[in-house]
mmCIF file of all heavy atoms, coordinates in Angstrom:
data_MODEL
# 
_entry.id   MODEL 
# 
loop_
_atom_site.group_PDB 
_atom_site.id 
_atom_site.type_symbol 
_atom_site.label_atom_id 
_atom_site.label_alt_id 
_atom_site.label_comp_id 
_atom_site.label_asym_id 
_atom_site.label_entity_id 
_atom_site.label_seq_id 
_atom_site.pdbx_PDB_ins_code 
_atom_site.Cartn_x 
_atom_site.Cartn_y 
_atom_site.Cartn_z 
_atom_site.occupancy 
_atom_site.B_iso_or_equiv 
_atom_site.pdbx_formal_charge 
_atom_site.auth_seq_id 
_atom_site.auth_comp_id 
_atom_site.auth_asym_id 
_atom_site.auth_atom_id 
_atom_site.pdbx_PDB_model_num 
ATOM 1   N N   . HIS A 1 1  ? 110.461 98.051  103.873 1.00 0.00 ? 1  HIS A N   1 
ATOM 2   C CA  . HIS A 1 1  ? 111.559 98.718  103.192 1.00 0.00 ? 1  HIS A CA  1 
ATOM 3   C C   . HIS A 1 1  ? 111.897 100.003 103.933 1.00 0.00 ? 1  HIS A C   1 
ATOM 4   O O   . HIS A 1 1  ? 111.027 100.789 104.279 1.00 0.00 ? 1  HIS A O   1 
ATOM 5   C CB  . HIS A 1 1  ? 111.133 99.150  101.753 1.00 0.00 ? 1  HIS A CB  1 
ATOM 6   C CG  . HIS A 1 1  ? 110.577 98.012  100.931 1.00 0.00 ? 1  HIS A CG  1 
ATOM 7   N ND1 . HIS A 1 1  ? 111.307 97.313  100.031 1.00 0.00 ? 1  HIS A ND1 1 
ATOM 8   C CD2 . HIS A 1 1  ? 109.318 97.488  100.897 1.00 0.00 ? 1  HIS A CD2 1 
ATOM 9   C CE1 . HIS A 1 1  ? 110.543 96.405  99.442  1.00 0.00 ? 1  HIS A CE1 1 
ATOM 10  N NE2 . HIS A 1 1  ? 109.319 96.493  99.966  1.00 0.00 ? 1  HIS A NE2 1 
ATOM 11  N N   . LEU A 1 2  ? 113.187 100.218 104.236 1.00 0.00 ? 2  LEU A N   1 
ATOM 12  C CA  . LEU A 1 2  ? 113.630 101.419 104.915 1.00 0.00 ? 2  LEU A CA  1 
ATOM 13  C C   . LEU A 1 2  ? 113.887 102.500 103.913 1.00 0.00 ? 2  LEU A C   1 
ATOM 14  O O   . LEU A 1 2  ? 114.482 102.304 102.860 1.00 0.00 ? 2  LEU A O   1 
ATOM 15  C CB  . LEU A 1 2  ? 114.895 101.162 105.697 1.00 0.00 ? 2  LEU A CB  1 
ATOM 16  C CG  . LEU A 1 2  ? 114.772 100.380 107.045 1.00 0.00 ? 2  LEU A CG  1 
ATOM 17  C CD1 . LEU A 1 2  ? 116.114 100.213 107.676 1.00 0.00 ? 2  LEU A CD1 1 
ATOM 18  C CD2 . LEU A 1 2  ? 113.809 101.070 107.969 1.00 0.00 ? 2  LEU A CD2 1 
ATOM 19  N N   . THR A 1 3  ? 113.523 103.742 104.319 1.00 0.00 ? 3  THR A N   1 
ATOM 20  C CA  . THR A 1 3  ? 113.915 104.939 103.563 1.00 0.00 ? 3  THR A CA  1 
ATOM 21  C C   . THR A 1 3  ? 114.198 106.031 104.595 1.00 0.00 ? 3  THR A C   1 
ATOM 22  O O   . THR A 1 3  ? 113.885 105.897 105.784 1.00 0.00 ? 3  THR A O   1 
ATOM 23  C CB  . THR A 1 3  ? 112.833 105.422 102.575 1.00 0.00 ? 3  THR A CB  1 
ATOM 24  O OG1 . THR A 1 3  ? 113.382 106.466 101.760 1.00 0.00 ? 3  THR A OG1 1 
ATOM 25  C CG2 . THR A 1 3  ? 111.595 105.888 103.287 1.00 0.00 ? 3  THR A CG2 1 
ATOM 26  N N   . ASN A 1 4  ? 114.846 107.107 104.148 1.00 0.00 ? 4  ASN A N   1 
ATOM 27  C CA  . ASN A 1 4  ? 115.150 108.220 105.055 1.00 0.00 ? 4  ASN A CA  1 
ATOM 28  C C   . ASN A 1 4  ? 114.984 109.518 104.262 1.00 0.00 ? 4  ASN A C   1 
ATOM 29  O O   . ASN A 1 4  ? 115.965 110.051 103.767 1.00 0.00 ? 4  ASN A O   1 
ATOM 30  C CB  . ASN A 1 4  ? 116.573 108.127 105.640 1.00 0.00 ? 4  ASN A CB  1 
ATOM 31  C CG  . ASN A 1 4  ? 116.850 109.183 106.651 1.00 0.00 ? 4  ASN A CG  1 
ATOM 32  O OD1 . ASN A 1 4  ? 116.014 109.968 107.000 1.00 0.00 ? 4  ASN A OD1 1 
ATOM 33  N ND2 . ASN A 1 4  ? 118.124 109.270 107.105 1.00 0.00 ? 4  ASN A ND2 1 
ATOM 34  N N   . ILE A 1 5  ? 113.743 109.995 104.180 1.00 0.00 ? 5  ILE A N   1 
ATOM 35  C CA  . ILE A 1 5  ? 113.487 111.200 103.377 1.00 0.00 ? 5  ILE A CA  1 
ATOM 36  C C   . ILE A 1 5  ? 113.030 112.343 104.259 1.00 0.00 ? 5  ILE A C   1 
ATOM 37  O O   . ILE A 1 5  ? 112.945 113.472 103.786 1.00 0.00 ? 5  ILE A O   1 
ATOM 38  C CB  . ILE A 1 5  ? 112.431 110.952 102.296 1.00 0.00 ? 5  ILE A CB  1 
ATOM 39  C CG1 . ILE A 1 5  ? 111.098 110.479 102.903 1.00 0.00 ? 5  ILE A CG1 1 
ATOM 40  C CG2 . ILE A 1 5  ? 112.885 109.926 101.293 1.00 0.00 ? 5  ILE A CG2 1 
ATOM 41  C CD1 . ILE A 1 5  ? 109.962 110.381 101.896 1.00 0.00 ? 5  ILE A CD1 1 
ATOM 42  N N   . THR A 1 6  ? 112.860 112.123 105.562 1.00 0.00 ? 6  THR A N   1 
ATOM 43  C CA  . THR A 1 6  ? 112.434 113.158 106.472 1.00 0.00 ? 6  THR A CA  1 
ATOM 44  C C   . THR A 1 6  ? 112.735 112.708 107.883 1.00 0.00 ? 6  THR A C   1 
ATOM 45  O O   . THR A 1 6  ? 113.269 111.624 108.120 1.00 0.00 ? 6  THR A O   1 
ATOM 46  C CB  . THR A 1 6  ? 110.914 113.511 106.274 1.00 0.00 ? 6  THR A CB  1 
ATOM 47  O OG1 . THR A 1 6  ? 110.597 114.664 107.072 1.00 0.00 ? 6  THR A OG1 1 
ATOM 48  C CG2 . THR A 1 6  ? 110.060 112.331 106.701 1.00 0.00 ? 6  THR A CG2 1 
ATOM 49  N N   . ASP A 1 7  ? 112.402 113.556 108.855 1.00 0.00 ? 7  ASP A N   1 
ATOM 50  C CA  . ASP A 1 7  ? 112.754 113.223 110.276 1.00 0.00 ? 7  ASP A CA  1 
ATOM 51  C C   . ASP A 1 7  ? 111.840 112.118 110.788 1.00 0.00 ? 7  ASP A C   1 
ATOM 52  O O   . ASP A 1 7  ? 112.326 111.180 111.385 1.00 0.00 ? 7  ASP A O   1 
ATOM 53  C CB  . ASP A 1 7  ? 112.694 114.457 111.156 1.00 0.00 ? 7  ASP A CB  1 
ATOM 54  C CG  . ASP A 1 7  ? 111.359 115.210 111.078 1.00 0.00 ? 7  ASP A CG  1 
ATOM 55  O OD1 . ASP A 1 7  ? 110.579 114.954 110.141 1.00 0.00 ? 7  ASP A OD1 1 
ATOM 56  O OD2 . ASP A 1 7  ? 111.111 116.073 111.950 1.00 0.00 ? 7  ASP A OD2 1 
ATOM 57  N N   . THR A 1 8  ? 110.514 112.246 110.608 1.00 0.00 ? 8  THR A N   1 
ATOM 58  C CA  . THR A 1 8  ? 109.621 111.225 111.166 1.00 0.00 ? 8  THR A CA  1 
ATOM 59  C C   . THR A 1 8  ? 108.571 110.819 110.154 1.00 0.00 ? 8  THR A C   1 
ATOM 60  O O   . THR A 1 8  ? 108.722 109.861 109.443 1.00 0.00 ? 8  THR A O   1 
ATOM 61  C CB  . THR A 1 8  ? 108.962 111.737 112.460 1.00 0.00 ? 8  THR A CB  1 
ATOM 62  O OG1 . THR A 1 8  ? 108.327 113.023 112.216 1.00 0.00 ? 8  THR A OG1 1 
ATOM 63  C CG2 . THR A 1 8  ? 109.988 111.861 113.591 1.00 0.00 ? 8  THR A CG2 1 
ATOM 64  N N   . HIS A 1 9  ? 107.479 111.561 110.072 1.00 0.00 ? 9  HIS A N   1 
ATOM 65  C CA  . HIS A 1 9  ? 106.294 111.104 109.334 1.00 0.00 ? 9  HIS A CA  1 
ATOM 66  C C   . HIS A 1 9  ? 106.443 111.217 107.838 1.00 0.00 ? 9  HIS A C   1 
ATOM 67  O O   . HIS A 1 9  ? 106.629 112.304 107.298 1.00 0.00 ? 9  HIS A O   1 
ATOM 68  C CB  . HIS A 1 9  ? 105.034 111.919 109.800 1.00 0.00 ? 9  HIS A CB  1 
ATOM 69  C CG  . HIS A 1 9  ? 104.691 111.666 111.269 1.00 0.00 ? 9  HIS A CG  1 
ATOM 70  N ND1 . HIS A 1 9  ? 103.740 112.368 111.870 1.00 0.00 ? 9  HIS A ND1 1 
ATOM 71  C CD2 . HIS A 1 9  ? 105.214 110.782 112.128 1.00 0.00 ? 9  HIS A CD2 1 
ATOM 72  C CE1 . HIS A 1 9  ? 103.657 111.946 113.105 1.00 0.00 ? 9  HIS A CE1 1 
ATOM 73  N NE2 . HIS A 1 9  ? 104.531 111.007 113.315 1.00 0.00 ? 9  HIS A NE2 1 
ATOM 74  N N   . ILE A 1 10 ? 106.244 110.108 107.148 1.00 0.00 ? 10 ILE A N   1 
ATOM 75  C CA  . ILE A 1 10 ? 106.411 110.075 105.699 1.00 0.00 ? 10 ILE A CA  1 
ATOM 76  C C   . ILE A 1 10 ? 105.189 110.711 104.994 1.00 0.00 ? 10 ILE A C   1 
ATOM 77  O O   . ILE A 1 10 ? 105.309 111.168 103.867 1.00 0.00 ? 10 ILE A O   1 
ATOM 78  C CB  . ILE A 1 10 ? 106.622 108.657 105.226 1.00 0.00 ? 10 ILE A CB  1 
ATOM 79  C CG1 . ILE A 1 10 ? 107.225 108.632 103.784 1.00 0.00 ? 10 ILE A CG1 1 
ATOM 80  C CG2 . ILE A 1 10 ? 105.413 107.789 105.344 1.00 0.00 ? 10 ILE A CG2 1 
ATOM 81  C CD1 . ILE A 1 10 ? 107.711 107.294 103.330 1.00 0.00 ? 10 ILE A CD1 1 
ATOM 82  N N   . ASP A 1 11 ? 104.020 110.730 105.675 1.00 0.00 ? 11 ASP A N   1 
ATOM 83  C CA  . ASP A 1 11 ? 102.832 111.234 105.015 1.00 0.00 ? 11 ASP A CA  1 
ATOM 84  C C   . ASP A 1 11 ? 102.742 112.738 104.817 1.00 0.00 ? 11 ASP A C   1 
ATOM 85  O O   . ASP A 1 11 ? 101.825 113.247 104.271 1.00 0.00 ? 11 ASP A O   1 
ATOM 86  C CB  . ASP A 1 11 ? 101.576 110.708 105.685 1.00 0.00 ? 11 ASP A CB  1 
ATOM 87  C CG  . ASP A 1 11 ? 101.409 111.163 107.137 1.00 0.00 ? 11 ASP A CG  1 
ATOM 88  O OD1 . ASP A 1 11 ? 102.371 111.702 107.684 1.00 0.00 ? 11 ASP A OD1 1 
ATOM 89  O OD2 . ASP A 1 11 ? 100.320 110.959 107.703 1.00 0.00 ? 11 ASP A OD2 1 
ATOM 90  N N   . GLY A 1 12 ? 103.773 113.440 105.342 1.00 0.00 ? 12 GLY A N   1 
ATOM 91  C CA  . GLY A 1 12 ? 103.904 114.890 105.007 1.00 0.00 ? 12 GLY A CA  1 
ATOM 92  C C   . GLY A 1 12 ? 104.864 115.112 103.850 1.00 0.00 ? 12 GLY A C   1 
ATOM 93  O O   . GLY A 1 12 ? 105.106 116.240 103.483 1.00 0.00 ? 12 GLY A O   1 
ATOM 94  N N   . GLU A 1 13 ? 105.388 114.026 103.304 1.00 0.00 ? 13 GLU A N   1 
ATOM 95  C CA  . GLU A 1 13 ? 106.377 114.095 102.218 1.00 0.00 ? 13 GLU A CA  1 
ATOM 96  C C   . GLU A 1 13 ? 105.908 113.382 100.927 1.00 0.00 ? 13 GLU A C   1 
ATOM 97  O O   . GLU A 1 13 ? 106.086 113.889 99.846  1.00 0.00 ? 13 GLU A O   1 
ATOM 98  C CB  . GLU A 1 13 ? 107.723 113.476 102.665 1.00 0.00 ? 13 GLU A CB  1 
ATOM 99  C CG  . GLU A 1 13 ? 108.314 114.103 103.897 1.00 0.00 ? 13 GLU A CG  1 
ATOM 100 C CD  . GLU A 1 13 ? 108.817 115.529 103.652 1.00 0.00 ? 13 GLU A CD  1 
ATOM 101 O OE1 . GLU A 1 13 ? 109.338 115.797 102.580 1.00 0.00 ? 13 GLU A OE1 1 
ATOM 102 O OE2 . GLU A 1 13 ? 108.690 116.353 104.624 1.00 0.00 ? 13 GLU A OE2 1 
ATOM 103 N N   . VAL A 1 14 ? 105.318 112.217 101.121 1.00 0.00 ? 14 VAL A N   1 
ATOM 104 C CA  . VAL A 1 14 ? 104.861 111.431 99.961  1.00 0.00 ? 14 VAL A CA  1 
ATOM 105 C C   . VAL A 1 14 ? 103.684 110.573 100.388 1.00 0.00 ? 14 VAL A C   1 
ATOM 106 O O   . VAL A 1 14 ? 103.682 110.017 101.490 1.00 0.00 ? 14 VAL A O   1 
ATOM 107 C CB  . VAL A 1 14 ? 106.038 110.588 99.405  1.00 0.00 ? 14 VAL A CB  1 
ATOM 108 C CG1 . VAL A 1 14 ? 106.570 109.657 100.429 1.00 0.00 ? 14 VAL A CG1 1 
ATOM 109 C CG2 . VAL A 1 14 ? 105.581 109.820 98.148  1.00 0.00 ? 14 VAL A CG2 1 
ATOM 110 N N   . LEU A 1 15 ? 102.697 110.474 99.508  1.00 0.00 ? 15 LEU A N   1 
ATOM 111 C CA  . LEU A 1 15 ? 101.507 109.645 99.758  1.00 0.00 ? 15 LEU A CA  1 
ATOM 112 C C   . LEU A 1 15 ? 101.130 108.891 98.431  1.00 0.00 ? 15 LEU A C   1 
ATOM 113 O O   . LEU A 1 15 ? 101.090 109.527 97.382  1.00 0.00 ? 15 LEU A O   1 
ATOM 114 C CB  . LEU A 1 15 ? 100.330 110.505 100.171 1.00 0.00 ? 15 LEU A CB  1 
ATOM 115 C CG  . LEU A 1 15 ? 100.203 110.904 101.646 1.00 0.00 ? 15 LEU A CG  1 
ATOM 116 C CD1 . LEU A 1 15 ? 99.086  111.904 101.836 1.00 0.00 ? 15 LEU A CD1 1 
ATOM 117 C CD2 . LEU A 1 15 ? 99.880  109.641 102.508 1.00 0.00 ? 15 LEU A CD2 1 
ATOM 118 N N   . PRO A 1 16 ? 100.857 107.632 98.485  1.00 0.00 ? 16 PRO A N   1 
ATOM 119 C CA  . PRO A 1 16 ? 100.327 106.949 97.329  1.00 0.00 ? 16 PRO A CA  1 
ATOM 120 C C   . PRO A 1 16 ? 98.837  107.196 97.207  1.00 0.00 ? 16 PRO A C   1 
ATOM 121 O O   . PRO A 1 16 ? 98.111  107.090 98.169  1.00 0.00 ? 16 PRO A O   1 
ATOM 122 C CB  . PRO A 1 16 ? 100.620 105.467 97.639  1.00 0.00 ? 16 PRO A CB  1 
ATOM 123 C CG  . PRO A 1 16 ? 100.567 105.344 99.136  1.00 0.00 ? 16 PRO A CG  1 
ATOM 124 C CD  . PRO A 1 16 ? 101.038 106.735 99.665  1.00 0.00 ? 16 PRO A CD  1 
ATOM 125 N N   . LEU A 1 17 ? 98.384  107.606 96.016  1.00 0.00 ? 17 LEU A N   1 
ATOM 126 C CA  . LEU A 1 17 ? 96.978  107.912 95.792  1.00 0.00 ? 17 LEU A CA  1 
ATOM 127 C C   . LEU A 1 17 ? 96.195  106.759 95.154  1.00 0.00 ? 17 LEU A C   1 
ATOM 128 O O   . LEU A 1 17 ? 95.005  106.652 95.302  1.00 0.00 ? 17 LEU A O   1 
ATOM 129 C CB  . LEU A 1 17 ? 96.847  109.173 94.931  1.00 0.00 ? 17 LEU A CB  1 
ATOM 130 C CG  . LEU A 1 17 ? 97.504  110.468 95.511  1.00 0.00 ? 17 LEU A CG  1 
ATOM 131 C CD1 . LEU A 1 17 ? 97.284  111.621 94.575  1.00 0.00 ? 17 LEU A CD1 1 
ATOM 132 C CD2 . LEU A 1 17 ? 96.917  110.766 96.903  1.00 0.00 ? 17 LEU A CD2 1 
ATOM 133 N N   . ARG A 1 18 ? 96.922  105.964 94.392  1.00 0.00 ? 18 ARG A N   1 
ATOM 134 C CA  . ARG A 1 18 ? 96.374  104.754 93.817  1.00 0.00 ? 18 ARG A CA  1 
ATOM 135 C C   . ARG A 1 18 ? 97.571  104.008 93.171  1.00 0.00 ? 18 ARG A C   1 
ATOM 136 O O   . ARG A 1 18 ? 98.649  104.583 93.055  1.00 0.00 ? 18 ARG A O   1 
ATOM 137 C CB  . ARG A 1 18 ? 95.257  105.012 92.790  1.00 0.00 ? 18 ARG A CB  1 
ATOM 138 C CG  . ARG A 1 18 ? 95.650  105.748 91.529  1.00 0.00 ? 18 ARG A CG  1 
ATOM 139 C CD  . ARG A 1 18 ? 94.525  105.899 90.579  1.00 0.00 ? 18 ARG A CD  1 
ATOM 140 N NE  . ARG A 1 18 ? 94.856  106.705 89.426  1.00 0.00 ? 18 ARG A NE  1 
ATOM 141 C CZ  . ARG A 1 18 ? 94.081  107.697 89.001  1.00 0.00 ? 18 ARG A CZ  1 
ATOM 142 N NH1 . ARG A 1 18 ? 92.933  107.959 89.539  1.00 0.00 ? 18 ARG A NH1 1 
ATOM 143 N NH2 . ARG A 1 18 ? 94.451  108.390 87.940  1.00 0.00 ? 18 ARG A NH2 1 
ATOM 144 N N   . PRO A 1 19 ? 97.402  102.760 92.762  1.00 0.00 ? 19 PRO A N   1 
ATOM 145 C CA  . PRO A 1 19 ? 98.549  102.044 92.214  1.00 0.00 ? 19 PRO A CA  1 
ATOM 146 C C   . PRO A 1 19 ? 99.080  102.836 90.971  1.00 0.00 ? 19 PRO A C   1 
ATOM 147 O O   . PRO A 1 19 ? 98.353  103.176 90.064  1.00 0.00 ? 19 PRO A O   1 
ATOM 148 C CB  . PRO A 1 19 ? 97.950  100.706 91.774  1.00 0.00 ? 19 PRO A CB  1 
ATOM 149 C CG  . PRO A 1 19 ? 96.784  100.516 92.681  1.00 0.00 ? 19 PRO A CG  1 
ATOM 150 C CD  . PRO A 1 19 ? 96.245  101.877 92.945  1.00 0.00 ? 19 PRO A CD  1 
ATOM 151 N N   . GLY A 1 20 ? 100.353 103.153 91.036  1.00 0.00 ? 20 GLY A N   1 
ATOM 152 C CA  . GLY A 1 20 ? 101.001 103.872 89.918  1.00 0.00 ? 20 GLY A CA  1 
ATOM 153 C C   . GLY A 1 20 ? 101.058 105.376 90.071  1.00 0.00 ? 20 GLY A C   1 
ATOM 154 O O   . GLY A 1 20 ? 101.679 106.020 89.212  1.00 0.00 ? 20 GLY A O   1 
ATOM 155 N N   . VAL A 1 21 ? 100.474 105.964 91.124  1.00 0.00 ? 21 VAL A N   1 
ATOM 156 C CA  . VAL A 1 21 ? 100.482 107.410 91.256  1.00 0.00 ? 21 VAL A CA  1 
ATOM 157 C C   . VAL A 1 21 ? 100.862 107.781 92.702  1.00 0.00 ? 21 VAL A C   1 
ATOM 158 O O   . VAL A 1 21 ? 100.235 107.335 93.661  1.00 0.00 ? 21 VAL A O   1 
ATOM 159 C CB  . VAL A 1 21 ? 99.128  108.011 90.936  1.00 0.00 ? 21 VAL A CB  1 
ATOM 160 C CG1 . VAL A 1 21 ? 99.181  109.570 91.060  1.00 0.00 ? 21 VAL A CG1 1 
ATOM 161 C CG2 . VAL A 1 21 ? 98.688  107.650 89.523  1.00 0.00 ? 21 VAL A CG2 1 
ATOM 162 N N   . LEU A 1 22 ? 101.861 108.671 92.845  1.00 0.00 ? 22 LEU A N   1 
ATOM 163 C CA  . LEU A 1 22 ? 102.282 109.190 94.125  1.00 0.00 ? 22 LEU A CA  1 
ATOM 164 C C   . LEU A 1 22 ? 102.068 110.729 94.139  1.00 0.00 ? 22 LEU A C   1 
ATOM 165 O O   . LEU A 1 22 ? 102.174 111.430 93.097  1.00 0.00 ? 22 LEU A O   1 
ATOM 166 C CB  . LEU A 1 22 ? 103.766 108.968 94.354  1.00 0.00 ? 22 LEU A CB  1 
ATOM 167 C CG  . LEU A 1 22 ? 104.289 107.538 94.452  1.00 0.00 ? 22 LEU A CG  1 
ATOM 168 C CD1 . LEU A 1 22 ? 105.796 107.496 94.490  1.00 0.00 ? 22 LEU A CD1 1 
ATOM 169 C CD2 . LEU A 1 22 ? 103.717 106.838 95.672  1.00 0.00 ? 22 LEU A CD2 1 
ATOM 170 N N   . LEU A 1 23 ? 101.784 111.273 95.309  1.00 0.00 ? 23 LEU A N   1 
ATOM 171 C CA  . LEU A 1 23 ? 101.806 112.690 95.550  1.00 0.00 ? 23 LEU A CA  1 
ATOM 172 C C   . LEU A 1 23 ? 103.036 112.941 96.429  1.00 0.00 ? 23 LEU A C   1 
ATOM 173 O O   . LEU A 1 23 ? 103.218 112.328 97.476  1.00 0.00 ? 23 LEU A O   1 
ATOM 174 C CB  . LEU A 1 23 ? 100.512 113.140 96.291  1.00 0.00 ? 23 LEU A CB  1 
ATOM 175 C CG  . LEU A 1 23 ? 100.474 114.597 96.779  1.00 0.00 ? 23 LEU A CG  1 
ATOM 176 C CD1 . LEU A 1 23 ? 100.502 115.590 95.580  1.00 0.00 ? 23 LEU A CD1 1 
ATOM 177 C CD2 . LEU A 1 23 ? 99.237  114.844 97.634  1.00 0.00 ? 23 LEU A CD2 1 
ATOM 178 N N   . ALA A 1 24 ? 103.894 113.900 95.979  1.00 0.00 ? 24 ALA A N   1 
ATOM 179 C CA  . ALA A 1 24 ? 105.147 114.100 96.740  1.00 0.00 ? 24 ALA A CA  1 
ATOM 180 C C   . ALA A 1 24 ? 105.509 115.605 96.757  1.00 0.00 ? 24 ALA A C   1 
ATOM 181 O O   . ALA A 1 24 ? 105.194 116.347 95.840  1.00 0.00 ? 24 ALA A O   1 
ATOM 182 C CB  . ALA A 1 24 ? 106.282 113.336 96.081  1.00 0.00 ? 24 ALA A CB  1 
ATOM 183 N N   . ARG A 1 25 ? 106.128 115.981 97.855  1.00 0.00 ? 25 ARG A N   1 
ATOM 184 C CA  . ARG A 1 25 ? 106.716 117.348 97.928  1.00 0.00 ? 25 ARG A CA  1 
ATOM 185 C C   . ARG A 1 25 ? 107.792 117.499 96.868  1.00 0.00 ? 25 ARG A C   1 
ATOM 186 O O   . ARG A 1 25 ? 108.410 116.545 96.419  1.00 0.00 ? 25 ARG A O   1 
ATOM 187 C CB  . ARG A 1 25 ? 107.329 117.615 99.273  1.00 0.00 ? 25 ARG A CB  1 
ATOM 188 C CG  . ARG A 1 25 ? 106.349 117.857 100.398 1.00 0.00 ? 25 ARG A CG  1 
ATOM 189 C CD  . ARG A 1 25 ? 107.051 118.155 101.703 1.00 0.00 ? 25 ARG A CD  1 
ATOM 190 N NE  . ARG A 1 25 ? 107.881 119.352 101.621 1.00 0.00 ? 25 ARG A NE  1 
ATOM 191 C CZ  . ARG A 1 25 ? 108.433 119.939 102.717 1.00 0.00 ? 25 ARG A CZ  1 
ATOM 192 N NH1 . ARG A 1 25 ? 108.309 119.387 103.913 1.00 0.00 ? 25 ARG A NH1 1 
ATOM 193 N NH2 . ARG A 1 25 ? 109.158 121.038 102.556 1.00 0.00 ? 25 ARG A NH2 1 
ATOM 194 N N   . ASP A 1 26 ? 108.012 118.738 96.472  1.00 0.00 ? 26 ASP A N   1 
ATOM 195 C CA  . ASP A 1 26 ? 109.007 118.974 95.440  1.00 0.00 ? 26 ASP A CA  1 
ATOM 196 C C   . ASP A 1 26 ? 110.397 118.668 95.885  1.00 0.00 ? 26 ASP A C   1 
ATOM 197 O O   . ASP A 1 26 ? 111.314 118.479 95.073  1.00 0.00 ? 26 ASP A O   1 
ATOM 198 C CB  . ASP A 1 26 ? 108.924 120.459 94.965  1.00 0.00 ? 26 ASP A CB  1 
ATOM 199 C CG  . ASP A 1 26 ? 109.102 121.447 96.092  1.00 0.00 ? 26 ASP A CG  1 
ATOM 200 O OD1 . ASP A 1 26 ? 109.128 121.037 97.252  1.00 0.00 ? 26 ASP A OD1 1 
ATOM 201 O OD2 . ASP A 1 26 ? 109.212 122.669 95.780  1.00 0.00 ? 26 ASP A OD2 1 
# 
């Protein structure tokens, strides 16, 4: 799936911690 939320690395913007829970920048 394509997304465009930042320039390169997505793991500085959003990370899945377990099924059903994301950690994301504001």
